[in-house]
C-alpha cells in the first residue's frame, strides 16, 4: 500500500493551513505562489483560538488559522482555516453581567465584573457569588425584534466553587448546564422563538447554594442555526462580515484529468455551499462538492452539461474526508475511506487549459463555511488504493 507521504508528493497543489498574511493564504505546493488563495473579510470583530488556547482578535482581511481545544482544554497540534458567514452578536453586553437585568433572586447573589481571567487571557470575566440558596434570573434584552428565524446562543462558564447549575435560554427555550473547573463554551442552537413579544432576549438563570461561585464570559445570541466564533460587545450589537477564500491555481496546476481531496468539518446547514474547481471565466465547467442539508452532492459539469453526479448522506458533526478522481470513463468518489460510487461514463469532459481555479467561494452565493484542515489537487487520476489512503 502506498505511503501517504508518497501520495502527497504527487500533488500539484497542497494547502494545509499554516501561513498567511492580509489578503493571502499560502499553499505549501507549488512554491511559485500560483497556488496561494486570496482572502477577504471586509470589516467587523473576528476571533480565533491561537496556539496557546486563547481567544484573540484577528485583523480585517486576514485568514483565521484557529486551533481546536479538547474537553480538558488541551490545544491541538495543527490549525484549521476557519470560514464563517456574516453574523451579529445581539447580546449587548457579552462580558459584563452587571449590565444585565436582575429579574429575580438579586438578593441571593453578588455580581462582580472583571473578576476572573477570561478565555482570552484578560481579566474581563464576570463572577457571580451566591450569598443565599435558591433560584435567580438574569436577562439581557436585545435591540432585535422577534422573528420566526432560527437563532443560536452561547456563553462560556467556569465553576469557581460549589456545584450550582445554570439554565441558559433564548426567550421561551432553555437548557441546563453544570459548569466544570475549566472554561467550557455552552451552546443552544437552532431555536425558533415562539414568544413573539417586542424584542429578543437572552436568559441566564441559576440554581445555586450559598457559597457557590461561577464565572461567565462571552455571551452571544445570533440569527442562524448554529453558533459561530465569539463577537465581543460592550453596549451595542456588533457585526462580523463573511469570510471568502478562493482563486487559487492556474492551468498548469489544474488539468483536465486529475484528483481532488478535501478534509474539513462544517456546522453549516444551508444548501449550496461549495468547494470547487472551475473555469473562472465560465461557470459551465466545474467540479464541486456541495452541501445539501445533511448530504453531499458531488458533480462534474462540462460545457453546461452534468456529466455525472453523486449524492450521499452524512452525519454533519463528523469530520469529512472526500476524494474524487475525475477522468473520462473512469471516475471514483471516496468518503472517509469508503468508495461511494463510480462511473465509466465517457464523452467530452474537459480539455487541458480549461480548468484554472480552485475555490472555497464560487461566487458569494456558494461560499463554503466550516473548518478546512487540508486541500489537495493532483494532475493525475489517483488509484483506488491511493484514494482510500487519502480518505481513511
Protein backbone atom coordinates (compact mmCIF):
# COMPACT_ATOMS: atom_id res chain seq x y z
CA UNK A 1 0.00 0.00 0.00
CA UNK A 2 1.39 3.41 -0.98
CA UNK A 3 2.70 5.69 1.75
CA UNK A 4 0.73 8.91 2.35
CA UNK A 5 3.90 10.96 2.01
CA UNK A 6 4.48 9.49 -1.44
CA UNK A 7 0.91 10.36 -2.41
CA UNK A 8 1.33 13.93 -1.17
CA UNK A 9 4.43 14.31 -3.35
CA UNK A 10 2.26 13.79 -6.43
CA UNK A 11 0.04 16.79 -5.64
CA UNK A 12 0.21 19.89 -7.83
CA UNK A 13 -1.47 21.98 -5.11
CA UNK A 14 -1.28 21.40 -1.33
CA UNK A 15 -2.81 23.71 1.24
CA UNK A 16 -2.56 22.77 4.91
CA UNK A 17 -3.36 25.98 6.83
CA UNK A 18 -0.07 27.21 8.27
CA UNK A 19 1.00 30.59 6.88
CA UNK A 20 -0.92 33.71 5.87
CA UNK A 21 -0.89 37.48 5.68
CA UNK A 22 -3.51 40.11 4.99
CA UNK A 23 -5.42 39.08 1.88
CA UNK A 24 -3.48 35.86 1.33
CA UNK A 25 -3.43 32.21 2.45
CA UNK A 26 -0.28 30.38 1.39
CA UNK A 27 -0.16 26.89 -0.10
CA UNK A 28 2.83 24.60 0.50
CA UNK A 29 2.81 23.47 -3.13
CA UNK A 30 3.59 24.92 -5.64
CA UNK A 31 6.34 27.23 -4.34
CA UNK A 32 5.75 29.74 -7.14
CA UNK A 33 2.75 31.30 -5.36
CA UNK A 34 0.35 30.34 -8.14
CA UNK A 35 -1.44 28.01 -5.73
CA UNK A 36 -1.98 30.62 -2.99
CA UNK A 37 -5.53 31.61 -2.05
CA UNK A 38 -6.87 35.16 -1.97
CA UNK A 39 -8.79 36.03 1.18
CA UNK A 40 -11.15 38.80 2.28
CA UNK A 41 -13.33 39.74 5.22
CA UNK A 42 -14.19 43.41 4.91
CA UNK A 43 -14.78 44.50 8.49
CA UNK A 44 -16.11 43.59 11.90
CA UNK A 45 -14.86 41.84 15.01
CA UNK A 46 -13.43 38.41 14.24
CA UNK A 47 -11.75 35.99 16.65
CA UNK A 48 -9.85 32.71 16.61
CA UNK A 49 -8.27 30.30 19.12
CA UNK A 50 -4.49 30.72 18.96
CA UNK A 51 -1.78 28.09 19.52
CA UNK A 52 -1.80 28.86 23.26
CA UNK A 53 -5.51 28.04 23.50
CA UNK A 54 -6.55 31.68 24.00
CA UNK A 55 -9.19 33.57 22.06
CA UNK A 56 -7.73 36.52 20.16
CA UNK A 57 -8.95 39.12 17.68
CA UNK A 58 -7.74 38.91 14.08
CA UNK A 59 -7.28 41.88 11.74
CA UNK A 60 -9.60 42.55 8.79
CA UNK A 61 -8.88 40.58 5.60
CA UNK A 62 -6.62 38.15 7.47
CA UNK A 63 -7.33 34.40 7.37
CA UNK A 64 -8.14 32.88 10.74
CA UNK A 65 -5.97 29.86 11.47
CA UNK A 66 -7.73 28.53 14.54
CA UNK A 67 -6.77 25.67 16.87
CA UNK A 68 -9.08 23.12 18.47
CA UNK A 69 -9.47 22.61 22.21
CA UNK A 70 -10.48 19.26 23.70
CA UNK A 71 -12.74 18.88 26.74
CA UNK A 72 -9.71 19.25 29.05
CA UNK A 73 -8.56 22.47 27.43
CA UNK A 74 -5.65 20.88 25.54
CA UNK A 75 -4.70 22.58 22.28
CA UNK A 76 -4.48 20.60 19.03
CA UNK A 77 -1.17 20.39 17.17
CA UNK A 78 -2.27 21.92 13.86
CA UNK A 79 -4.64 24.76 13.00
CA UNK A 80 -7.53 24.74 10.58
CA UNK A 81 -8.80 27.52 8.33
CA UNK A 82 -11.97 28.94 9.87
CA UNK A 83 -14.54 30.26 7.38
CA UNK A 84 -17.79 31.73 8.70
CA UNK A 85 -20.83 33.64 7.41
CA UNK A 86 -21.67 37.19 8.44
CA UNK A 87 -23.24 37.32 11.90
CA UNK A 88 -24.27 39.90 14.52
CA UNK A 89 -23.92 39.37 18.26
CA UNK A 90 -27.18 40.86 19.52
CA UNK A 91 -26.25 40.40 23.19
CA UNK A 92 -25.38 43.98 24.05
CA UNK A 93 -23.09 43.19 26.99
CA UNK A 94 -21.25 39.95 26.31
CA UNK A 95 -18.78 40.18 29.20
CA UNK A 96 -20.30 42.50 31.83
CA UNK A 97 -23.11 40.73 33.65
CA UNK A 98 -23.70 43.72 35.93
CA UNK A 99 -25.29 45.40 32.90
CA UNK A 100 -27.91 42.64 32.59
CA UNK A 101 -31.32 42.94 34.26
CA UNK A 102 -31.84 41.07 37.53
CA UNK A 103 -35.39 39.75 37.26
CA UNK A 104 -35.41 37.60 40.39
CA UNK A 105 -33.15 36.42 43.18
CA UNK A 106 -30.98 39.54 43.16
CA UNK A 107 -30.64 39.39 46.94
CA UNK A 108 -29.08 35.92 46.65
CA UNK A 109 -26.07 36.93 44.57
CA UNK A 110 -23.25 39.42 44.08
CA UNK A 111 -22.13 40.18 40.51
CA UNK A 112 -18.55 41.39 40.02
CA UNK A 113 -17.26 42.34 36.60
CA UNK A 114 -13.58 41.95 35.60
CA UNK A 115 -13.09 39.45 38.42
CA UNK A 116 -11.74 36.32 36.67
CA UNK A 117 -9.29 35.50 33.88
CA UNK A 118 -11.34 35.00 30.72
CA UNK A 119 -10.73 32.56 27.82
CA UNK A 120 -8.81 35.32 26.02
CA UNK A 121 -6.33 35.65 28.92
CA UNK A 122 -7.65 39.03 30.10
CA UNK A 123 -9.23 39.95 33.43
CA UNK A 124 -12.66 40.54 31.88
CA UNK A 125 -14.88 37.67 33.06
CA UNK A 126 -17.73 38.40 35.47
CA UNK A 127 -18.27 36.30 38.58
CA UNK A 128 -21.48 35.56 40.43
CA UNK A 129 -21.07 34.77 44.12
CA UNK A 130 -24.17 33.32 45.77
CA UNK A 131 -24.88 34.68 49.23
CA UNK A 132 -28.02 32.61 49.62
CA UNK A 133 -29.69 29.45 48.32
CA UNK A 134 -32.30 29.49 45.60
CA UNK A 135 -33.11 30.49 42.01
CA UNK A 136 -32.02 33.74 40.37
CA UNK A 137 -32.53 35.05 36.87
CA UNK A 138 -30.52 37.48 34.72
CA UNK A 139 -31.86 38.70 31.39
CA UNK A 140 -30.16 40.55 28.53
CA UNK A 141 -32.63 42.27 26.24
CA UNK A 142 -31.54 42.91 22.66
CA UNK A 143 -32.48 45.59 20.17
CA UNK A 144 -33.58 42.88 17.75
CA UNK A 145 -37.30 42.35 17.23
CA UNK A 146 -38.71 38.84 17.42
CA UNK A 147 -38.83 36.90 14.15
CA UNK A 148 -39.53 33.31 13.24
CA UNK A 149 -35.92 32.87 12.11
CA UNK A 150 -33.62 30.30 13.66
CA UNK A 151 -31.41 31.67 16.44
CA UNK A 152 -28.44 30.32 18.39
CA UNK A 153 -26.87 31.40 21.64
CA UNK A 154 -23.70 30.59 23.53
CA UNK A 155 -21.60 31.58 26.54
CA UNK A 156 -18.51 30.49 28.45
CA UNK A 157 -18.83 29.33 32.05
CA UNK A 158 -16.43 28.07 34.70
CA UNK A 159 -17.01 26.83 38.24
CA UNK A 160 -15.02 28.68 40.90
CA UNK A 161 -16.62 26.86 43.83
CA UNK A 162 -19.69 24.75 44.58
CA UNK A 163 -21.85 22.73 42.19
CA UNK A 164 -24.58 25.09 41.05
CA UNK A 165 -26.48 24.65 37.78
CA UNK A 166 -27.01 27.18 35.00
CA UNK A 167 -30.16 27.34 32.88
CA UNK A 168 -29.48 29.07 29.59
CA UNK A 169 -32.14 30.14 27.15
CA UNK A 170 -33.45 32.19 24.27
CA UNK A 171 -36.88 33.55 25.22
CA UNK A 172 -39.07 30.51 25.93
CA UNK A 173 -36.48 27.80 25.19
CA UNK A 174 -33.78 26.78 27.65
CA UNK A 175 -31.34 24.03 28.53
CA UNK A 176 -29.36 23.18 31.69
CA UNK A 177 -25.60 23.03 32.19
CA UNK A 178 -23.40 22.32 35.20
CA UNK A 179 -20.15 24.30 34.92
CA UNK A 180 -16.83 22.48 35.37
CA UNK A 181 -13.44 23.59 36.69
CA UNK A 182 -12.36 24.57 33.13
CA UNK A 183 -13.80 27.15 30.78
CA UNK A 184 -16.39 25.49 28.53
CA UNK A 185 -18.48 27.11 25.84
CA UNK A 186 -22.10 26.05 26.11
CA UNK A 187 -24.45 26.40 23.14
CA UNK A 188 -28.18 26.34 22.45
CA UNK A 189 -28.62 26.16 18.69
CA UNK A 190 -31.31 26.10 16.02
CA UNK A 191 -34.04 27.67 18.15
CA UNK A 192 -37.16 29.25 16.67
CA UNK A 193 -38.60 31.70 19.24
CA UNK A 194 -42.34 31.31 19.73
CA UNK A 195 -42.95 34.11 22.23
CA UNK A 196 -43.35 36.98 19.77
CA UNK A 197 -43.13 39.94 22.10
CA UNK A 198 -41.22 43.14 21.37
CA UNK A 199 -37.56 42.16 21.48
CA UNK A 200 -35.49 39.01 21.56
CA UNK A 201 -33.77 38.31 24.86
CA UNK A 202 -31.21 36.00 26.42
CA UNK A 203 -31.66 34.41 29.87
CA UNK A 204 -29.22 33.03 32.41
CA UNK A 205 -30.81 31.52 35.49
CA UNK A 206 -29.02 29.83 38.37
CA UNK A 207 -29.97 27.15 40.87
CA UNK A 208 -27.30 27.59 43.48
CA UNK A 209 -26.37 27.18 47.12
CA UNK A 210 -24.83 29.81 49.38
CA UNK A 211 -21.08 29.83 48.75
CA UNK A 212 -21.29 28.79 45.08
CA UNK A 213 -19.30 30.97 42.67
CA UNK A 214 -19.46 30.88 38.87
CA UNK A 215 -17.55 32.85 36.22
CA UNK A 216 -19.32 33.88 32.99
CA UNK A 217 -17.89 35.38 29.77
CA UNK A 218 -18.62 35.75 26.07
CA UNK A 219 -22.43 35.65 25.92
CA UNK A 220 -23.74 35.66 22.36
CA UNK A 221 -27.06 35.49 20.55
CA UNK A 222 -27.11 35.44 16.75
CA UNK A 223 -29.51 34.72 13.93
CA UNK A 224 -28.62 31.35 12.44
CA UNK A 225 -28.96 27.62 13.04
CA UNK A 226 -25.55 27.23 14.74
CA UNK A 227 -23.21 29.28 16.92
CA UNK A 228 -20.16 30.94 15.42
CA UNK A 229 -16.96 32.34 16.92
CA UNK A 230 -17.04 34.94 19.68
CA UNK A 231 -18.00 38.52 18.78
CA UNK A 232 -17.40 40.69 21.90
CA UNK A 233 -19.84 43.51 22.68
CA UNK A 234 -19.94 46.38 25.18
CA UNK A 235 -23.25 48.19 24.78
CA UNK A 236 -24.08 47.73 21.10
CA UNK A 237 -24.71 44.82 18.76
CA UNK A 238 -21.52 44.03 16.80
CA UNK A 239 -21.22 42.57 13.29
CA UNK A 240 -18.68 40.26 11.70
CA UNK A 241 -18.68 40.09 7.89
CA UNK A 242 -18.34 36.84 5.95
CA UNK A 243 -15.04 35.14 5.12
CA UNK A 244 -14.28 34.49 1.45
CA UNK A 245 -11.36 32.40 0.23
CA UNK A 246 -10.58 31.25 -3.28
CA UNK A 247 -8.94 31.91 -6.65
CA UNK A 248 -6.03 29.51 -6.26
CA UNK A 249 -4.30 27.77 -9.14
CA UNK A 250 -3.94 28.07 -12.90
CA UNK A 251 -3.95 25.80 -15.95
CA UNK A 252 -0.56 24.32 -15.02
CA UNK A 253 -1.83 23.29 -11.57
CA UNK A 254 -5.26 22.02 -12.68
CA UNK A 255 -5.50 19.63 -15.62
CA UNK A 256 -8.44 18.13 -17.48
CA UNK A 257 -7.87 14.81 -15.75
CA UNK A 258 -6.90 14.52 -12.10
CA UNK A 259 -7.99 14.17 -8.49
CA UNK A 260 -9.35 16.42 -5.76
CA UNK A 261 -9.02 15.85 -1.99
CA UNK A 262 -10.52 17.91 0.86
CA UNK A 263 -10.52 17.34 4.63
CA UNK A 264 -13.00 19.50 6.55
CA UNK A 265 -15.77 19.87 9.11
CA UNK A 266 -18.83 22.09 8.96
CA UNK A 267 -21.73 23.12 11.17
CA UNK A 268 -23.38 24.90 8.28
CA UNK A 269 -26.85 23.58 7.44
CA UNK A 270 -27.51 25.87 4.49
CA UNK A 271 -27.62 24.45 0.99
CA UNK A 272 -25.36 25.32 -1.93
CA UNK A 273 -22.07 25.74 -0.06
CA UNK A 274 -19.29 24.56 -2.36
CA UNK A 275 -15.68 23.54 -2.62
CA UNK A 276 -14.99 23.72 -6.33
CA UNK A 277 -12.65 23.56 -9.31
CA UNK A 278 -13.85 25.82 -12.11
CA UNK A 279 -13.15 27.64 -15.29
CA UNK A 280 -13.09 31.09 -13.71
CA UNK A 281 -14.46 32.74 -16.84
CA UNK A 282 -17.25 30.24 -17.47
CA UNK A 283 -19.42 28.66 -14.77
CA UNK A 284 -20.48 25.98 -17.25
CA UNK A 285 -17.31 23.99 -16.49
CA UNK A 286 -16.78 22.94 -12.90
CA UNK A 287 -16.27 20.15 -10.41
CA UNK A 288 -17.72 20.70 -6.97
CA UNK A 289 -18.56 19.21 -3.59
CA UNK A 290 -21.76 20.83 -2.35
CA UNK A 291 -23.56 20.63 0.97
CA UNK A 292 -27.30 19.88 0.77
CA UNK A 293 -28.59 19.80 4.34
CA UNK A 294 -27.14 16.55 5.70
CA UNK A 295 -25.97 15.21 2.35
CA UNK A 296 -23.16 15.95 -0.07
CA UNK A 297 -23.71 16.37 -3.78
CA UNK A 298 -20.64 15.94 -5.97
CA UNK A 299 -20.96 16.95 -9.60
CA UNK A 300 -18.85 17.21 -12.73
CA UNK A 301 -20.25 19.71 -15.25
CA UNK A 302 -18.65 20.14 -18.67
CA UNK A 303 -19.87 22.67 -21.22
CA UNK A 304 -23.02 23.25 -19.16
CA UNK A 305 -23.91 19.54 -19.14
CA UNK A 306 -23.81 17.46 -15.97
CA UNK A 307 -21.50 14.63 -16.98
CA UNK A 308 -22.02 12.81 -13.73
CA UNK A 309 -23.32 13.46 -10.20
CA UNK A 310 -23.19 11.66 -6.87
CA UNK A 311 -25.14 12.21 -3.67
CA UNK A 312 -24.74 10.56 -0.28
CA UNK A 313 -25.91 11.23 3.27
CA UNK A 314 -23.52 12.23 6.04
CA UNK A 315 -23.55 12.98 9.77
CA UNK A 316 -23.00 16.73 9.83
CA UNK A 317 -20.88 16.70 13.01
CA UNK A 318 -18.35 14.22 11.56
CA UNK A 319 -15.00 15.11 10.03
CA UNK A 320 -15.29 14.72 6.26
CA UNK A 321 -12.51 13.43 4.00
CA UNK A 322 -13.61 13.41 0.37
CA UNK A 323 -11.51 12.38 -2.65
CA UNK A 324 -12.67 12.44 -6.25
CA UNK A 325 -10.91 11.02 -9.29
CA UNK A 326 -12.24 12.85 -12.34
CA UNK A 327 -11.39 11.05 -15.52
CA UNK A 328 -13.29 10.47 -18.72
CA UNK A 329 -14.62 6.92 -18.45
CA UNK A 330 -13.15 6.14 -15.03
CA UNK A 331 -14.24 8.39 -12.14
CA UNK A 332 -14.43 7.36 -8.49
CA UNK A 333 -15.63 9.05 -5.31
CA UNK A 334 -14.32 8.08 -1.86
CA UNK A 335 -15.60 9.32 1.50
CA UNK A 336 -13.89 8.55 4.84
CA UNK A 337 -12.15 5.50 3.40
CA UNK A 338 -15.12 4.01 1.55
CA UNK A 339 -15.94 4.09 -2.15
CA UNK A 340 -19.28 5.76 -2.71
CA UNK A 341 -19.83 5.27 -6.41
CA UNK A 342 -18.07 5.00 -9.75
CA UNK A 343 -18.81 5.83 -13.35
CA UNK A 344 -17.48 4.62 -16.67
CA UNK A 345 -19.35 7.39 -18.48
CA UNK A 346 -17.39 8.59 -21.48
CA UNK A 347 -17.75 11.71 -23.54
CA UNK A 348 -16.32 15.19 -23.77
CA UNK A 349 -15.34 16.04 -20.22
CA UNK A 350 -12.61 18.70 -20.17
CA UNK A 351 -9.53 19.68 -22.13
CA UNK A 352 -6.25 20.89 -20.71
CA UNK A 353 -6.13 24.66 -20.36
CA UNK A 354 -9.81 24.97 -19.39
CA UNK A 355 -9.98 24.47 -15.61
CA UNK A 356 -7.92 27.11 -13.83
CA UNK A 357 -9.36 27.99 -10.41
CA UNK A 358 -9.70 26.18 -7.08
CA UNK A 359 -12.11 28.00 -4.80
CA UNK A 360 -13.89 27.89 -1.45
CA UNK A 361 -16.24 30.67 -2.60
CA UNK A 362 -17.62 30.05 -6.06
CA UNK A 363 -19.48 33.35 -6.09
CA UNK A 364 -20.93 34.81 -2.88
CA UNK A 365 -23.97 32.52 -3.07
CA UNK A 366 -21.78 29.41 -2.89
CA UNK A 367 -19.39 30.41 -0.08
CA UNK A 368 -18.19 27.42 1.91
CA UNK A 369 -18.38 27.83 5.70
CA UNK A 370 -16.63 25.48 8.08
CA UNK A 371 -13.15 24.34 9.06
CA UNK A 372 -10.64 23.34 6.37
CA UNK A 373 -7.80 21.04 7.50
CA UNK A 374 -6.30 20.21 4.13
CA UNK A 375 -6.93 20.52 0.40
CA UNK A 376 -5.03 18.96 -2.49
CA UNK A 377 -5.24 18.81 -6.26
CA UNK A 378 -3.46 16.16 -8.36
CA UNK A 379 -2.67 16.32 -12.05
CA UNK A 380 -3.22 12.62 -12.39
CA UNK A 381 -6.03 10.18 -11.75
CA UNK A 382 -5.09 8.56 -8.45
CA UNK A 383 -5.66 4.84 -7.98
CA UNK A 384 -8.41 3.38 -5.82
CA UNK A 385 -5.79 2.40 -3.26
CA UNK A 386 -4.48 5.98 -3.12
CA UNK A 387 -7.98 7.43 -2.79
CA UNK A 388 -8.68 5.03 0.07
CA UNK A 389 -5.44 6.04 1.82
CA UNK A 390 -6.17 9.73 1.49
CA UNK A 391 -9.65 9.49 2.98
CA UNK A 392 -9.02 6.96 5.76
